[in-house]
């Protein structure tokens, strides 16, 4: 029965308007290690579009993180849902282009999100890497 409730929440949240959302274009950056310093340059490439939305149905809260565009890349996505007192109530970590986290929270709730995607395969000896890196936090209402 709980599984049916989760599916229903996902379907309904896709139809309802979000209670809060954040959109951002993240440039591709080159991180180059020069001794103990890291030099960061913005590269001329298609930016990664990041969209994070919060949906609410009563106390049920769902956060969706979606990325589009940019170069083909691999890496990590994260979502953490926080209640009105800042307590952690739900989280999701993964890879790909879409991530969803759910929790039961009273309003106003907040979502912390993180995107760390790179078109370059991981090499331990590499002194530079291209990467889309961004994170943020946003809340329902004026919190």
Protein backbone atom coordinates (compact mmCIF):
# COMPACT_ATOMS: atom_id res chain seq x y z
CA UNK A 1 0.00 0.00 0.00
CA UNK A 2 2.89 2.40 0.78
CA UNK A 3 4.34 1.75 -2.69
CA UNK A 4 1.01 2.76 -4.24
CA UNK A 5 1.05 5.96 -2.18
CA UNK A 6 4.53 6.85 -3.44
CA UNK A 7 3.48 6.25 -7.06
CA UNK A 8 0.36 8.33 -6.54
CA UNK A 9 2.41 11.16 -5.02
CA UNK A 10 4.77 11.10 -8.03
CA UNK A 11 1.91 11.18 -10.53
CA UNK A 12 0.06 13.94 -8.71
CA UNK A 13 3.17 16.03 -8.23
CA UNK A 14 3.82 15.91 -11.97
CA UNK A 15 0.36 17.48 -12.52
CA UNK A 16 0.37 20.05 -9.72
CA UNK A 17 2.21 23.33 -9.81
CA UNK A 18 5.37 23.40 -7.70
CA UNK A 19 5.23 25.29 -4.38
CA UNK A 20 8.81 26.47 -4.92
CA UNK A 21 11.33 26.19 -7.71
CA UNK A 22 14.84 27.20 -8.69
CA UNK A 23 16.40 27.36 -12.16
CA UNK A 24 20.00 28.02 -13.02
CA UNK A 25 22.43 27.72 -15.92
CA UNK A 26 25.75 26.25 -14.84
CA UNK A 27 28.78 26.95 -17.03
CA UNK A 28 31.38 24.32 -17.82
CA UNK A 29 34.50 25.16 -15.84
CA UNK A 30 38.07 23.98 -16.09
CA UNK A 31 39.70 23.27 -12.72
CA UNK A 32 43.51 23.24 -13.06
CA UNK A 33 45.75 22.38 -10.11
CA UNK A 34 48.96 24.43 -10.06
CA UNK A 35 50.89 23.27 -7.01
CA UNK A 36 48.66 24.03 -4.02
CA UNK A 37 46.49 26.47 -5.97
CA UNK A 38 43.48 25.70 -8.12
CA UNK A 39 42.85 27.93 -11.10
CA UNK A 40 39.27 28.00 -12.39
CA UNK A 41 38.27 29.10 -15.89
CA UNK A 42 34.85 29.23 -17.53
CA UNK A 43 34.96 27.36 -20.84
CA UNK A 44 33.02 28.22 -24.00
CA UNK A 45 30.54 25.33 -24.01
CA UNK A 46 26.80 24.83 -23.71
CA UNK A 47 25.80 25.38 -20.07
CA UNK A 48 24.04 22.75 -18.02
CA UNK A 49 20.49 23.78 -17.16
CA UNK A 50 19.49 22.81 -13.61
CA UNK A 51 15.89 22.84 -12.42
CA UNK A 52 14.82 21.99 -8.86
CA UNK A 53 11.15 21.94 -7.83
CA UNK A 54 9.28 21.31 -4.59
CA UNK A 55 5.79 19.79 -4.70
CA UNK A 56 3.46 19.49 -1.72
CA UNK A 57 0.30 17.48 -1.06
CA UNK A 58 -0.61 18.03 2.61
CA UNK A 59 2.43 16.96 4.64
CA UNK A 60 3.90 14.98 1.73
CA UNK A 61 6.78 16.85 0.12
CA UNK A 62 8.57 15.81 -3.04
CA UNK A 63 11.65 17.46 -4.55
CA UNK A 64 12.73 16.89 -8.14
CA UNK A 65 16.18 17.76 -9.52
CA UNK A 66 16.53 17.68 -13.30
CA UNK A 67 19.49 18.60 -15.52
CA UNK A 68 19.37 19.26 -19.26
CA UNK A 69 21.80 20.36 -21.93
CA UNK A 70 25.52 20.67 -21.48
CA UNK A 71 28.06 18.11 -22.64
CA UNK A 72 27.48 14.42 -21.90
CA UNK A 73 28.77 14.05 -18.35
CA UNK A 74 28.87 11.69 -15.39
CA UNK A 75 28.93 12.42 -11.70
CA UNK A 76 26.73 12.99 -8.69
CA UNK A 77 23.41 14.61 -7.87
CA UNK A 78 22.09 15.18 -4.34
CA UNK A 79 18.90 16.45 -2.71
CA UNK A 80 18.33 16.95 1.02
CA UNK A 81 14.94 18.00 2.41
CA UNK A 82 14.82 19.99 5.65
CA UNK A 83 11.89 20.74 7.95
CA UNK A 84 10.95 24.12 9.44
CA UNK A 85 13.51 23.69 12.24
CA UNK A 86 16.31 22.74 9.84
CA UNK A 87 16.08 19.02 10.65
CA UNK A 88 16.96 16.62 7.83
CA UNK A 89 13.83 14.70 6.79
CA UNK A 90 14.61 13.16 3.41
CA UNK A 91 17.51 12.75 1.03
CA UNK A 92 18.45 11.23 -2.29
CA UNK A 93 21.82 10.73 -3.95
CA UNK A 94 22.46 9.42 -7.43
CA UNK A 95 23.73 10.02 -10.93
CA UNK A 96 22.14 10.66 -14.28
CA UNK A 97 19.84 13.52 -15.24
CA UNK A 98 16.97 13.19 -12.70
CA UNK A 99 16.73 12.72 -8.95
CA UNK A 100 13.78 12.72 -6.54
CA UNK A 101 13.58 12.93 -2.74
CA UNK A 102 10.49 12.62 -0.56
CA UNK A 103 9.56 13.38 3.03
CA UNK A 104 6.62 14.12 5.28
CA UNK A 105 7.06 17.68 6.56
CA UNK A 106 5.03 20.62 7.70
CA UNK A 107 5.61 23.89 5.86
CA UNK A 108 7.83 25.72 5.27
CA UNK A 109 10.34 23.16 4.10
CA UNK A 110 13.66 23.69 2.32
CA UNK A 111 15.69 21.75 -0.22
CA UNK A 112 19.47 21.68 -0.49
CA UNK A 113 20.67 20.50 -3.94
CA UNK A 114 24.05 19.67 -5.48
CA UNK A 115 25.21 18.92 -9.01
CA UNK A 116 28.74 17.68 -9.74
CA UNK A 117 29.03 16.37 -13.30
CA UNK A 118 32.12 16.03 -15.48
CA UNK A 119 32.52 15.12 -19.16
CA UNK A 120 36.05 13.88 -18.39
CA UNK A 121 36.68 10.32 -17.22
CA UNK A 122 38.22 10.16 -13.74
CA UNK A 123 42.03 9.88 -13.69
CA UNK A 124 43.83 10.10 -10.39
CA UNK A 125 46.95 11.66 -11.92
CA UNK A 126 45.04 14.34 -13.85
CA UNK A 127 46.01 17.94 -13.04
CA UNK A 128 42.91 19.40 -14.66
CA UNK A 129 39.27 18.48 -15.10
CA UNK A 130 36.26 20.03 -16.81
CA UNK A 131 33.18 20.06 -14.63
CA UNK A 132 29.68 21.44 -14.06
CA UNK A 133 29.60 22.28 -10.32
CA UNK A 134 26.72 23.99 -8.51
CA UNK A 135 24.72 23.80 -5.31
CA UNK A 136 22.11 25.81 -3.50
CA UNK A 137 19.25 25.89 -1.05
CA UNK A 138 15.74 27.26 -1.46
CA UNK A 139 12.56 27.12 0.59
CA UNK A 140 8.81 27.29 0.42
CA UNK A 141 7.38 30.69 1.23
CA UNK A 142 9.68 33.40 2.53
CA UNK A 143 11.85 31.27 4.79
